[in-house]
Amino acid sequence: MTTSLVVRTGRYVAKVAAIADMDMRKLRHDPTELLTRAIQPMLWLLVFGQVFARAHSIPTGNVDYTAFLVPGILAQSVLFVAIFNGISVIWERDLGIVHKFLASPTPRTALVLGKALASGVRALTQAVIVYAVAMALGVPLVWTAQALLGVVALVLLGAALFSTFSLIIACIVKTRERFMGIGQVLTMPLFFASNAIYPTDIMPPWLKVIAHANPLSYVVDGLRSMMLVGGVSTLGLGADFGVLVAGLVLLIWIGGWMYPRLIT
């Protein structure tokens, strides 16, 4: 029984890796995507961050505003990379690739998880860019192995969660035009209704409730405590990872159930 479980698990992991590798090939064929996605976080940190750091209008505790902003912009980059990932599924359906996937013996959850993993790896490139800009701005960062591994885990979890959420939306709307409209509507509320650019302490009560229900807040909170010298987690690292893992598992199950409905 144990040997059989190990074999099935190994086959499942191999199928997830194959799906992820297929998605990653798109990035290798068009690396200019990395350069274009680097522009937005650089603008936020070099322009928005520098201006508000001089204004001293947002209380950020024992870290200056530029340092406070760095984890929030990394989380924003993860969100923006992942939330539009669902449009690739719509393209695959139009090209007939989804039909081939569904005709294969690959579990539906493995298809969803493989795409989520590819999105997480893509988001790690954004982490490299944000770290480089933060270093150029003189932001004190934590470079211990534990902190770096924690940041990698949070980026992977956050990207996988929002990518799976994006896939679910794609399964519902089924057209590129509707998907792009919904994606654009969702990104800004998710970003601004989080602790990415200001602490939850200064939010009105109703917005605090939304921020605590927003998974992006948990990505930012975990990144802020692990990336910054003097950074602390206001929600608790256990809660940060727990919410993201639980949310990802739930969304993968829902995505696996809805994936076949993309072609109906």
Foldseek 3Di string as FASTA:
>chain_A
DVVVVVVVVVVLVVLLQVLLVVVVVVCVVPVVVLVVLLVVLLCCLVPVQVVVLVVPPADDPPFGQSLLQLLLSLLLSLLVLQQQLQVVVLVCVVVVNLVVVVVDPRQLLSNLSSSLQNSLVSSVSNVVSSVVSCVVVVAAWDDDPVLVVLLSVLSSLSSSLSNLVNNLVCLVPLDPVVSVVVSVVPSVCLSVLEPNNHHLVPDDPVSNVVHVVRLSNLSSLSNQQRTHDVGHRPVDVVVSVVVSVVSSVVSSVVSSVSSVSSND
